[in-house]
Amino acid sequence: MAPDGQRPPATFREVIDAHAGSQPRAPFLIAPEPGLEIDYATLRANCRALSAMLAARGVAPGSTVSFMLENGASAATIFLGAMYGGYVVSPINLHAQDAQLEYTLAHSDTRIVFAAAMNLERLETIRRNSGAAFEIVVVDSDGLDLAAPTNAPPLPKPRRPPIDPDDPAMLMYTSGTTGRPKGALLSHANMLSAARAVAQSLALTPDDRVLSSLPLYHINGQCIATVAPLVSGGSIVMPHRFSVSQWWPLVARHRPTWLNMVPTIIAYLLNGPDVTAEQAAACRNVRFGRSASAPLPPEQHRAFEERFGFSVIEAMGLTECASVAFTNPLDKSARKYGSPGRPLCVEARVVDRAGQRVEGDARGEIELRGPNVMLGYFKSPQATKAALRSDGWLATGDIGYRDADGFFFVTGRLKELIIKGGENIAPREIDEALLAHPAVLEAAAVGVPDAAYGQEILACVVVKPGATCTEEDLRAHCLRTLGRYKSPRYLRLVAQLPKGPSGKVQRLKLTEL
């Protein structure tokens, strides 16, 4: 944060330079697996070395730089270092299908991809099939070699051109579950505005440390877990991936003051092993947990807080807003279960099908406007025009309402809304009814075609380990809690639900199970 009366750093280079100058030896990143700690001075040195490496390879500032890596020091260095050098970083989803990667790597004009050795052959095939012209550099999770290629001609010390806050910083592609992925283009100002709003809402200081296993190819893992600690001068514990068995040992070893989670992590921790006495003592150092990227069922929310002894702040964001839109207050007594909270960093409104604002508890599409709203969709003017109004309002595709206290509630997605016999049914209502059953770990509903009603309801359920439950049990439970009309006609017990990298259920893929 900037001292009173001073302009806050407006680009990633300014933020990193400021911390490297004021607190060079303060830790920024802790990579638990190799036991590596990177302070702010080292972070700046690594960012500058990455810029020099890219320049030596002929990659001009403003070009797109990608990485296909699990969490670790290498991914964090490339993510921040590319933006520091004036490049546009475009992280690659490790779970993306080949067809999606062929499209996004060609569409993004990526010049270079940093990748693990295990992905080299796959990327070479994708490059050949797509015709995209990008270089592949093999690195491991925590050992990025920042040296220039040995056959490169000697170059003068690279000049780091000035960066404007409105310059593009990151290109993030949506999951593309309903069509080709769209690349949301976010500026330095977009991302830093969102991160500062998060840091202020959570009262983050340089003494705060977050534990987050969310991947750096997802907007939550980027803007919330990495950039918010960066702007506040704090630190992040970043394991390679989430592990139920390692989560509480990491809390005990590194003493984070807050935890960045998603509902899937919360569900698995709830059904995981009990904490030890040492881990329980470390939990008392945790100020709060934060949950976003998918709705947090109130039953799980309350159960988690009761079991582990600290509160969880539910929030909500989207890629097009740098992962920030709503948050519950830091004060637990002022929060509302089942709501992602009040607007953060944005104005928010609910509109009807004609685009007119509606008040009270009337349902409609949620729209947002603020300094964190994207520049637009990369090379997609029609998609940008469809999502972004000329006056800056962003159509989110989320259906919900605003209550009398200014809290927003999200009831579904426009494209996921179940319309049965002309009646709109929010899938989340079905989810929460099923999650209230003691044997259910996860549940998700979706509409499927039906000759009589237009759509019927399909629900897929994951049962808790060791629990026993039949479809008949669940059907009887739904009849009691939902009534006959909203009860799922089709129920499937499955091993797992299809999810994106953030843990958000991909409802439109449920029919494939």
Protein backbone atom coordinates (compact mmCIF):
# COMPACT_ATOMS: atom_id res chain seq x y z
CA MET A 1 0.00 0.00 0.00
CA ALA A 2 1.18 3.55 -0.69
CA PRO A 3 1.82 5.99 2.16
CA ASP A 4 -0.90 8.56 2.74
CA GLY A 5 -0.92 11.28 0.10
CA GLN A 6 1.15 9.33 -2.41
CA ARG A 7 -0.04 7.76 -5.63
CA PRO A 8 -0.07 3.99 -5.26
CA PRO A 9 2.14 2.05 -7.67
CA ALA A 10 0.17 1.76 -10.90
CA THR A 11 1.90 -1.13 -12.71
CA PHE A 12 3.33 -4.47 -11.65
CA ARG A 13 6.84 -3.12 -12.18
CA GLU A 14 6.17 -0.20 -9.84
CA VAL A 15 4.64 -2.48 -7.18
CA ILE A 16 7.54 -4.94 -7.19
CA ASP A 17 10.18 -2.20 -7.32
CA ALA A 18 8.54 -0.40 -4.40
CA HIS A 19 8.56 -3.47 -2.13
CA ALA A 20 12.06 -4.49 -3.20
CA GLY A 21 13.21 -1.02 -2.19
CA SER A 22 11.32 -0.74 1.11
CA GLN A 23 11.47 -4.34 2.42
CA PRO A 24 13.99 -6.26 0.29
CA ARG A 25 14.41 -9.18 2.71
CA ALA A 26 10.73 -9.65 3.53
CA PRO A 27 9.46 -13.01 2.25
CA PHE A 28 7.08 -13.04 -0.69
CA LEU A 29 6.82 -16.65 -1.88
CA ILE A 30 7.29 -19.88 0.05
CA ALA A 31 7.42 -23.03 -2.08
CA PRO A 32 7.04 -25.87 0.48
CA GLU A 33 8.10 -28.88 -1.59
CA PRO A 34 11.70 -27.75 -2.25
CA GLY A 35 11.74 -25.59 0.91
CA LEU A 36 12.39 -22.48 -1.18
CA GLU A 37 11.73 -18.93 0.02
CA ILE A 38 11.85 -15.91 -2.29
CA ASP A 39 12.07 -12.43 -0.78
CA TYR A 40 11.08 -9.20 -2.53
CA ALA A 41 14.61 -8.35 -3.63
CA THR A 42 14.98 -11.79 -5.20
CA LEU A 43 11.54 -11.47 -6.80
CA ARG A 44 12.62 -8.23 -8.50
CA ALA A 45 15.94 -9.75 -9.60
CA ASN A 46 14.12 -12.76 -11.06
CA CYS A 47 11.63 -10.52 -12.87
CA ARG A 48 14.44 -8.51 -14.40
CA ALA A 49 16.31 -11.66 -15.37
CA LEU A 50 13.20 -13.04 -17.07
CA SER A 51 12.84 -9.79 -19.03
CA ALA A 52 16.47 -10.07 -20.15
CA MET A 53 16.01 -13.71 -21.09
CA LEU A 54 12.94 -12.92 -23.22
CA ALA A 55 14.72 -10.02 -24.90
CA ALA A 56 17.69 -12.27 -25.67
CA ARG A 57 15.31 -14.70 -27.37
CA GLY A 58 13.89 -11.91 -29.51
CA VAL A 59 10.54 -11.57 -27.74
CA ALA A 60 9.53 -7.91 -27.85
CA PRO A 61 7.68 -6.21 -24.96
CA GLY A 62 3.94 -6.28 -25.58
CA SER A 63 4.16 -9.84 -26.91
CA THR A 64 2.25 -12.72 -25.31
CA VAL A 65 4.15 -15.08 -23.01
CA SER A 66 2.57 -18.31 -21.73
CA PHE A 67 3.37 -20.99 -19.18
CA MET A 68 2.05 -24.53 -18.74
CA LEU A 69 3.22 -25.43 -15.25
CA GLU A 70 1.92 -26.55 -11.90
CA ASN A 71 2.25 -24.11 -9.00
CA GLY A 72 5.75 -23.30 -7.85
CA ALA A 73 8.50 -20.72 -7.98
CA SER A 74 8.83 -21.03 -11.76
CA ALA A 75 5.15 -20.35 -12.49
CA ALA A 76 5.07 -17.43 -10.05
CA THR A 77 8.24 -15.90 -11.55
CA ILE A 78 6.91 -16.15 -15.10
CA PHE A 79 3.46 -14.88 -14.13
CA LEU A 80 4.77 -11.75 -12.37
CA GLY A 81 8.00 -11.36 -14.33
CA ALA A 82 6.29 -11.22 -17.71
CA MET A 83 4.02 -8.38 -16.56
CA TYR A 84 6.99 -6.66 -14.88
CA GLY A 85 8.80 -6.66 -18.22
CA GLY A 86 5.87 -5.20 -20.17
CA TYR A 87 4.75 -8.49 -21.67
CA VAL A 88 1.23 -9.95 -21.71
CA VAL A 89 1.08 -13.18 -19.71
CA SER A 90 -1.37 -15.89 -20.78
CA PRO A 91 -1.37 -18.86 -18.37
CA ILE A 92 -2.37 -22.24 -19.81
CA ASN A 93 -4.91 -24.48 -18.09
CA LEU A 94 -3.24 -27.84 -17.46
CA HIS A 95 -6.61 -29.58 -17.86
CA ALA A 96 -7.54 -28.03 -21.19
CA GLN A 97 -8.24 -30.37 -24.09
CA ASP A 98 -5.89 -30.39 -27.09
CA ALA A 99 -8.46 -28.76 -29.39
CA GLN A 100 -8.88 -25.90 -26.92
CA LEU A 101 -5.11 -25.42 -26.64
CA GLU A 102 -4.67 -25.45 -30.40
CA TYR A 103 -7.17 -22.62 -30.65
CA THR A 104 -5.98 -20.49 -27.71
CA LEU A 105 -2.25 -20.75 -28.45
CA ALA A 106 -2.83 -19.69 -32.05
CA HIS A 107 -5.43 -17.03 -31.20
CA SER A 108 -3.32 -15.45 -28.43
CA ASP A 109 -0.26 -14.98 -30.70
CA THR A 110 1.86 -16.55 -27.97
CA ARG A 111 5.57 -16.18 -28.73
CA ILE A 112 6.96 -18.49 -26.07
CA VAL A 113 5.59 -21.22 -23.79
CA PHE A 114 7.38 -22.29 -20.61
CA ALA A 115 6.38 -25.87 -19.85
CA ALA A 116 7.22 -28.95 -17.83
CA ALA A 117 9.11 -31.71 -19.66
CA MET A 118 6.06 -33.99 -19.45
CA ASN A 119 4.14 -31.55 -21.69
CA LEU A 120 6.84 -31.06 -24.32
CA GLU A 121 5.65 -33.72 -26.78
CA ARG A 122 2.03 -32.60 -26.41
CA LEU A 123 2.92 -28.96 -27.07
CA GLU A 124 5.01 -29.89 -30.09
CA THR A 125 2.01 -31.75 -31.54
CA ILE A 126 -0.29 -28.80 -30.77
CA ARG A 127 2.15 -26.40 -32.41
CA ARG A 128 2.33 -28.56 -35.51
CA ASN A 129 -1.46 -29.02 -35.76
CA SER A 130 -2.35 -25.38 -35.07
CA GLY A 131 0.34 -23.78 -37.19
CA ALA A 132 1.10 -21.42 -34.29
CA ALA A 133 4.67 -20.12 -34.17
CA PHE A 134 5.76 -20.31 -30.54
CA GLU A 135 8.99 -21.41 -28.89
CA ILE A 136 8.86 -24.04 -26.12
CA VAL A 137 11.17 -23.71 -23.13
CA VAL A 138 11.28 -26.67 -20.72
CA VAL A 139 11.49 -25.83 -17.01
CA ASP A 140 10.66 -27.60 -13.77
CA SER A 141 8.27 -26.37 -11.10
CA ASP A 142 10.82 -24.62 -8.90
CA GLY A 143 14.01 -24.38 -10.98
CA LEU A 144 13.53 -21.85 -13.75
CA ASP A 145 16.80 -21.28 -15.64
CA LEU A 146 16.87 -17.59 -16.53
CA ALA A 147 20.01 -17.76 -18.62
CA ALA A 148 19.93 -16.72 -22.27
CA PRO A 149 20.36 -19.52 -24.86
CA THR A 150 24.02 -20.36 -25.43
CA ASN A 151 23.78 -19.77 -29.18
CA ALA A 152 22.22 -16.31 -28.80
CA PRO A 153 24.33 -13.39 -30.05
CA PRO A 154 25.48 -10.98 -27.35
CA LEU A 155 22.97 -8.21 -26.78
CA PRO A 156 23.25 -4.91 -24.95
CA LYS A 157 21.59 -4.70 -21.57
CA PRO A 158 17.86 -4.74 -22.39
CA ARG A 159 15.99 -1.51 -21.96
CA ARG A 160 12.76 -1.91 -20.01
CA PRO A 161 10.29 0.34 -21.83
CA PRO A 162 7.82 2.33 -19.73
CA ILE A 163 4.49 0.69 -18.95
CA ASP A 164 1.18 2.51 -18.87
CA PRO A 165 -1.40 1.37 -16.28
CA ASP A 166 -3.88 0.78 -19.11
CA ASP A 167 -1.50 -1.47 -21.02
CA PRO A 168 -2.57 -5.12 -21.29
CA ALA A 169 -1.05 -7.29 -18.57
CA MET A 170 -2.82 -10.64 -18.78
CA LEU A 171 -4.83 -12.60 -21.33
CA MET A 172 -7.07 -15.20 -19.69
CA TYR A 173 -9.20 -17.57 -21.71
CA THR A 174 -12.59 -18.69 -20.44
CA SER A 175 -13.33 -22.40 -20.18
CA GLY A 176 -15.26 -22.46 -23.44
CA THR A 177 -17.85 -25.01 -22.26
CA THR A 178 -20.52 -23.47 -24.51
CA GLY A 179 -18.34 -22.61 -27.51
CA ARG A 180 -14.86 -21.41 -28.37
CA PRO A 181 -12.95 -19.87 -25.46
CA LYS A 182 -12.89 -16.08 -25.22
CA GLY A 183 -9.73 -14.29 -24.14
CA ALA A 184 -10.41 -11.68 -21.46
CA LEU A 185 -7.76 -8.97 -21.72
CA LEU A 186 -6.92 -7.36 -18.37
CA SER A 187 -4.73 -4.29 -17.88
CA HIS A 188 -2.32 -3.50 -15.07
CA ALA A 189 -4.93 -1.09 -13.72
CA ASN A 190 -7.68 -3.74 -13.88
CA MET A 191 -5.70 -6.28 -11.89
CA LEU A 192 -4.17 -3.92 -9.35
CA SER A 193 -7.50 -2.17 -8.69
CA ALA A 194 -9.08 -5.55 -7.93
CA ALA A 195 -6.19 -6.69 -5.75
CA ARG A 196 -6.12 -3.46 -3.73
CA ALA A 197 -9.86 -3.70 -3.13
CA VAL A 198 -9.40 -7.25 -1.81
CA ALA A 199 -6.45 -6.25 0.36
CA GLN A 200 -8.39 -3.34 1.86
CA SER A 201 -11.55 -5.37 2.45
CA LEU A 202 -9.52 -8.04 4.27
CA ALA A 203 -7.31 -5.51 6.12
CA LEU A 204 -4.17 -7.20 4.74
CA THR A 205 -0.78 -5.95 5.96
CA PRO A 206 2.82 -7.01 5.32
CA ASP A 207 2.45 -9.36 8.31
CA ASP A 208 -0.27 -11.38 6.61
CA ARG A 209 0.46 -14.67 4.88
CA VAL A 210 -1.92 -16.72 2.76
CA LEU A 211 -1.91 -20.45 2.11
CA SER A 212 -3.29 -21.16 -1.36
CA SER A 213 -3.10 -24.21 -3.59
CA LEU A 214 -5.31 -22.74 -6.31
CA PRO A 215 -3.50 -22.96 -9.65
CA LEU A 216 -1.81 -19.97 -11.20
CA TYR A 217 -3.69 -20.65 -14.41
CA HIS A 218 -6.95 -19.65 -12.71
CA ILE A 219 -8.00 -16.07 -12.00
CA ASN A 220 -8.58 -16.69 -8.27
CA GLY A 221 -5.12 -18.15 -7.78
CA GLN A 222 -3.69 -15.18 -9.67
CA CYS A 223 -5.48 -12.04 -8.53
CA ILE A 224 -6.61 -13.06 -5.03
CA ALA A 225 -3.93 -15.44 -3.79
CA THR A 226 -0.91 -13.85 -5.51
CA VAL A 227 -1.56 -10.22 -6.47
CA ALA A 228 -3.48 -9.21 -3.30
CA PRO A 229 -0.57 -10.31 -1.05
CA LEU A 230 1.81 -8.62 -3.50
CA VAL A 231 0.14 -5.19 -3.28
CA SER A 232 -0.07 -5.43 0.53
CA GLY A 233 3.56 -6.51 0.89
CA GLY A 234 2.61 -9.86 2.43
CA SER A 235 3.55 -13.41 1.56
CA ILE A 236 2.07 -16.57 0.06
CA VAL A 237 2.62 -20.26 0.76
CA MET A 238 2.14 -21.96 -2.62
CA PRO A 239 2.24 -25.77 -2.68
CA HIS A 240 2.29 -27.49 -6.04
CA ARG A 241 -1.30 -28.66 -5.62
CA PHE A 242 -4.01 -29.22 -3.03
CA SER A 243 -3.68 -32.23 -0.73
CA VAL A 244 -6.09 -33.03 2.10
CA SER A 245 -3.35 -34.80 4.06
CA GLN A 246 -0.87 -31.92 3.70
CA TRP A 247 -3.17 -28.92 4.21
CA TRP A 248 -3.13 -28.73 8.02
CA PRO A 249 0.58 -29.69 8.29
CA LEU A 250 1.29 -26.71 6.00
CA VAL A 251 -0.78 -24.49 8.29
CA ALA A 252 1.18 -25.73 11.29
CA ARG A 253 4.58 -25.33 9.58
CA HIS A 254 4.15 -21.94 7.90
CA ARG A 255 1.56 -20.21 10.15
CA PRO A 256 -0.55 -18.44 7.51
CA THR A 257 -2.94 -15.77 8.75
CA TRP A 258 -5.55 -16.54 6.08
CA LEU A 259 -6.51 -19.38 3.78
CA ASN A 260 -7.63 -19.04 0.16
CA MET A 261 -10.07 -21.83 -0.69
CA VAL A 262 -12.93 -22.95 -2.92
CA PRO A 263 -15.99 -24.96 -1.84
CA THR A 264 -14.45 -28.21 -3.11
CA ILE A 265 -11.47 -27.75 -0.77
CA ILE A 266 -13.81 -26.94 2.12
CA ALA A 267 -15.88 -30.07 1.43
CA TYR A 268 -12.82 -32.32 1.38
CA LEU A 269 -11.32 -30.79 4.52
CA LEU A 270 -14.65 -31.25 6.30
CA ASN A 271 -14.51 -34.95 5.49
CA GLY A 272 -10.77 -35.28 6.04
CA PRO A 273 -8.77 -36.20 9.14
CA ASP A 274 -9.08 -34.30 12.39
CA VAL A 275 -6.45 -31.69 13.17
CA THR A 276 -3.74 -32.48 15.69
CA ALA A 277 -3.13 -30.39 18.79
CA GLU A 278 -0.26 -28.59 17.02
CA GLN A 279 -2.42 -27.91 13.97
CA ALA A 280 -5.30 -26.68 16.13
CA ALA A 281 -2.90 -24.23 17.79
CA ALA A 282 -1.80 -23.02 14.35
CA CYS A 283 -5.44 -22.56 13.34
CA ARG A 284 -5.75 -19.99 16.11
CA ASN A 285 -3.30 -17.87 14.10
CA VAL A 286 -5.68 -17.93 11.10
CA ARG A 287 -7.73 -14.70 10.94
CA PHE A 288 -10.14 -16.05 8.34
CA GLY A 289 -10.61 -18.25 5.33
CA ARG A 290 -11.87 -16.93 2.00
CA SER A 291 -14.05 -18.96 -0.34
CA ALA A 292 -14.91 -18.03 -3.93
CA SER A 293 -15.06 -19.38 -7.50
CA ALA A 294 -18.28 -21.31 -6.78
CA PRO A 295 -21.22 -20.95 -4.35
CA LEU A 296 -20.49 -22.20 -0.82
CA PRO A 297 -23.46 -24.19 0.52
CA PRO A 298 -24.54 -22.66 3.87
CA GLU A 299 -24.56 -26.06 5.60
CA GLN A 300 -20.93 -26.68 4.70
CA HIS A 301 -20.05 -23.07 5.55
CA ARG A 302 -21.40 -23.35 9.10
CA ALA A 303 -20.01 -26.85 9.63
CA PHE A 304 -16.50 -25.79 8.58
CA GLU A 305 -16.44 -22.78 10.91
CA GLU A 306 -17.71 -24.86 13.82
CA ARG A 307 -15.20 -27.63 13.28
CA PHE A 308 -12.04 -25.61 12.65
CA GLY A 309 -12.70 -22.53 14.77
CA PHE A 310 -12.24 -19.65 12.35
CA SER A 311 -14.67 -17.86 10.07
CA VAL A 312 -14.90 -18.12 6.28
CA ILE A 313 -15.66 -15.10 4.11
CA GLU A 314 -17.66 -15.98 1.02
CA ALA A 315 -16.89 -13.86 -2.04
CA MET A 316 -17.42 -13.95 -5.78
CA GLY A 317 -15.64 -12.79 -8.87
CA LEU A 318 -15.18 -13.59 -12.53
CA THR A 319 -12.35 -13.57 -15.01
CA GLU A 320 -13.66 -10.47 -16.76
CA CYS A 321 -13.38 -8.51 -13.46
CA ALA A 322 -10.00 -9.87 -12.33
CA SER A 323 -11.79 -12.22 -9.91
CA VAL A 324 -13.45 -9.44 -7.89
CA ALA A 325 -17.15 -8.51 -7.78
CA PHE A 326 -18.67 -9.20 -4.34
CA THR A 327 -17.50 -10.00 -0.83
CA ASN A 328 -18.93 -10.46 2.60
CA PRO A 329 -17.61 -8.15 5.33
CA LEU A 330 -14.61 -8.98 7.44
CA ASP A 331 -16.87 -8.61 10.48
CA LYS A 332 -18.50 -12.03 10.88
CA SER A 333 -21.59 -10.60 12.54
CA ALA A 334 -22.34 -8.54 9.42
CA ARG A 335 -22.18 -11.45 6.93
CA LYS A 336 -24.96 -13.43 5.31
CA TYR A 337 -24.68 -17.14 4.62
CA GLY A 338 -25.60 -18.09 1.06
CA SER A 339 -24.66 -14.67 -0.33
CA PRO A 340 -21.34 -13.69 -1.95
CA GLY A 341 -21.82 -10.32 -0.25
CA ARG A 342 -21.94 -6.70 -1.30
CA PRO A 343 -20.20 -5.16 -4.33
CA LEU A 344 -16.43 -4.75 -4.07
CA CYS A 345 -14.51 -2.49 -6.49
CA VAL A 346 -17.61 -2.34 -8.71
CA GLU A 347 -21.07 -0.93 -9.06
CA ALA A 348 -23.62 -3.73 -9.38
CA ARG A 349 -27.21 -3.85 -10.57
CA VAL A 350 -29.87 -6.38 -11.58
CA VAL A 351 -31.60 -5.92 -14.96
CA ASP A 352 -34.54 -7.58 -16.70
CA ARG A 353 -34.54 -9.08 -20.19
CA ALA A 354 -34.96 -5.60 -21.68
CA GLY A 355 -31.87 -4.34 -19.86
CA GLN A 356 -33.87 -2.22 -17.41
CA ARG A 357 -32.83 -2.06 -13.78
CA VAL A 358 -35.07 -3.92 -11.33
CA GLU A 359 -35.27 -3.29 -7.60
CA GLY A 360 -36.20 -5.23 -4.50
CA ASP A 361 -35.91 -8.98 -4.65
CA ALA A 362 -36.82 -9.21 -8.36
CA ARG A 363 -34.63 -11.68 -10.24
CA GLY A 364 -32.64 -10.71 -13.27
CA GLU A 365 -29.17 -10.66 -14.80
CA ILE A 366 -26.40 -9.13 -12.68
CA GLU A 367 -24.33 -6.42 -14.37
CA LEU A 368 -21.09 -4.84 -13.10
CA ARG A 369 -19.11 -1.68 -13.78
CA GLY A 370 -15.79 -0.60 -12.30
CA PRO A 371 -12.03 -0.09 -12.72
CA ASN A 372 -11.38 -3.83 -12.68
CA VAL A 373 -13.65 -4.64 -15.65
CA MET A 374 -11.62 -6.01 -18.56
CA LEU A 375 -10.49 -4.08 -21.59
CA GLY A 376 -12.45 -6.51 -23.75
CA TYR A 377 -12.18 -9.92 -25.39
CA PHE A 378 -8.97 -10.25 -27.39
CA LYS A 379 -9.55 -10.10 -31.17
CA SER A 380 -13.29 -10.63 -30.57
CA PRO A 381 -15.10 -7.31 -31.11
CA GLN A 382 -18.52 -8.95 -31.45
CA ALA A 383 -18.16 -10.87 -28.18
CA THR A 384 -16.92 -7.69 -26.48
CA LYS A 385 -19.89 -5.71 -27.77
CA ALA A 386 -22.30 -8.41 -26.55
CA ALA A 387 -20.81 -8.39 -23.04
CA LEU A 388 -19.74 -4.77 -22.52
CA ARG A 389 -22.18 -1.92 -22.96
CA SER A 390 -20.96 1.42 -24.28
CA ASP A 391 -21.45 2.91 -20.80
CA GLY A 392 -19.16 0.32 -19.22
CA TRP A 393 -21.68 -2.14 -17.76
CA LEU A 394 -20.60 -5.79 -18.05
CA ALA A 395 -23.27 -8.46 -18.53
CA THR A 396 -22.19 -11.35 -16.30
CA GLY A 397 -24.68 -14.04 -17.33
CA ASP A 398 -25.42 -14.63 -13.63
CA ILE A 399 -29.03 -14.59 -12.45
CA GLY A 400 -29.74 -13.20 -8.99
CA TYR A 401 -31.18 -10.44 -6.86
CA ARG A 402 -30.25 -7.77 -4.32
CA ASP A 403 -31.82 -7.74 -0.86
CA ALA A 404 -32.77 -4.73 1.25
CA ASP A 405 -29.33 -4.68 2.94
CA GLY A 406 -27.44 -4.49 -0.33
CA PHE A 407 -26.34 -8.14 -0.33
CA PHE A 408 -26.52 -9.95 -3.66
CA PHE A 409 -27.69 -13.52 -4.08
CA VAL A 410 -26.85 -15.58 -7.16
CA THR A 411 -29.42 -18.21 -8.11
CA GLY A 412 -27.95 -19.53 -11.35
CA ARG A 413 -26.54 -18.87 -14.79
CA LEU A 414 -28.57 -17.76 -17.78
CA LYS A 415 -27.26 -20.68 -19.82
CA GLU A 416 -27.73 -23.16 -16.95
CA LEU A 417 -31.22 -22.11 -15.84
CA ILE A 418 -33.65 -25.05 -15.87
CA ILE A 419 -36.94 -24.16 -17.55
CA LYS A 420 -39.45 -26.89 -16.74
CA GLY A 421 -42.97 -26.41 -18.06
CA GLY A 422 -42.32 -22.68 -18.42
CA GLU A 423 -41.13 -22.30 -14.80
CA ASN A 424 -37.58 -21.16 -14.07
CA ILE A 425 -35.77 -23.40 -11.60
CA ALA A 426 -32.35 -22.45 -10.25
CA PRO A 427 -29.99 -25.46 -10.25
CA ARG A 428 -28.44 -24.24 -7.00
CA GLU A 429 -31.75 -24.79 -5.20
CA ILE A 430 -31.58 -28.48 -6.17
CA ASP A 431 -27.88 -28.67 -5.21
CA GLU A 432 -28.45 -27.28 -1.72
CA ALA A 433 -31.38 -29.58 -1.04
CA LEU A 434 -29.26 -32.61 -1.90
CA LEU A 435 -26.29 -31.33 0.11
CA ALA A 436 -28.52 -31.23 3.17
CA HIS A 437 -28.62 -35.05 3.07
CA PRO A 438 -26.03 -36.37 5.59
CA ALA A 439 -24.53 -38.85 3.11
CA VAL A 440 -23.94 -36.37 0.27
CA LEU A 441 -20.49 -34.87 -0.29
CA GLU A 442 -21.18 -33.02 -3.57
CA ALA A 443 -24.20 -32.52 -5.80
CA ALA A 444 -25.08 -30.65 -8.98
CA ALA A 445 -28.22 -30.39 -11.08
CA VAL A 446 -28.80 -29.53 -14.73
CA GLY A 447 -31.70 -29.43 -17.18
CA VAL A 448 -32.08 -32.15 -19.81
CA PRO A 449 -34.50 -32.22 -22.78
CA ASP A 450 -38.00 -33.55 -22.13
CA ALA A 451 -40.86 -33.93 -24.62
CA ALA A 452 -43.58 -33.04 -22.13
CA TYR A 453 -42.00 -30.25 -20.04
CA GLY A 454 -39.30 -28.90 -22.34
CA GLN A 455 -36.72 -29.74 -19.68
CA GLU A 456 -36.50 -32.16 -16.79
CA ILE A 457 -34.01 -32.20 -13.93
CA LEU A 458 -30.92 -34.40 -13.76
CA ALA A 459 -28.90 -34.44 -10.53
CA CYS A 460 -25.49 -36.06 -10.07
CA VAL A 461 -24.36 -36.90 -6.55
CA VAL A 462 -21.04 -37.85 -4.95
CA VAL A 463 -21.50 -39.77 -1.69
CA LYS A 464 -19.18 -39.19 1.27
CA PRO A 465 -16.46 -41.82 1.77
CA GLY A 466 -17.78 -44.61 3.97
CA ALA A 467 -21.39 -43.46 3.71
CA THR A 468 -24.17 -45.54 2.20
CA CYS A 469 -26.95 -44.02 0.17
CA THR A 470 -29.22 -45.15 -2.66
CA GLU A 471 -31.02 -43.26 -5.39
CA GLU A 472 -34.27 -44.14 -3.64
CA ASP A 473 -33.02 -42.51 -0.42
CA LEU A 474 -32.15 -39.33 -2.30
CA ARG A 475 -35.41 -39.29 -4.20
CA ALA A 476 -37.39 -39.51 -0.96
CA HIS A 477 -35.23 -36.76 0.57
CA CYS A 478 -35.87 -34.46 -2.42
CA LEU A 479 -39.61 -35.06 -2.30
CA ARG A 480 -39.59 -33.95 1.34
CA THR A 481 -37.43 -30.86 0.82
CA LEU A 482 -38.26 -29.71 -2.72
CA GLY A 483 -41.68 -31.11 -3.51
CA ARG A 484 -42.54 -33.23 -6.53
CA TYR A 485 -42.23 -30.55 -9.24
CA LYS A 486 -38.66 -29.54 -8.39
CA SER A 487 -37.41 -33.02 -7.45
CA PRO A 488 -34.93 -34.46 -9.97
CA ARG A 489 -36.50 -36.96 -12.33
CA TYR A 490 -33.07 -38.48 -12.95
CA LEU A 491 -30.51 -39.18 -10.22
CA ARG A 492 -27.00 -40.53 -10.79
CA LEU A 493 -24.46 -41.57 -8.18
CA VAL A 494 -21.03 -40.70 -9.58
CA ALA A 495 -17.42 -40.88 -8.40
CA GLN A 496 -16.75 -37.19 -9.10
CA LEU A 497 -18.28 -34.13 -10.72
CA PRO A 498 -16.75 -32.46 -13.78
CA LYS A 499 -14.96 -29.30 -12.67
CA GLY A 500 -12.79 -26.52 -13.94
CA PRO A 501 -9.41 -25.66 -12.36
CA SER A 502 -11.03 -23.51 -9.65
CA GLY A 503 -13.31 -26.29 -8.47
CA LYS A 504 -16.40 -24.84 -10.14
CA VAL A 505 -18.76 -27.53 -11.38
CA GLN A 506 -19.18 -27.59 -15.16
CA ARG A 507 -22.90 -28.29 -15.22
CA LEU A 508 -23.21 -28.65 -18.94
CA LYS A 509 -20.92 -31.70 -18.78
CA LEU A 510 -23.09 -33.53 -16.24
CA THR A 511 -25.08 -35.16 -19.01
CA GLU A 512 -21.91 -36.91 -20.16
CA LEU A 513 -21.54 -38.85 -16.88
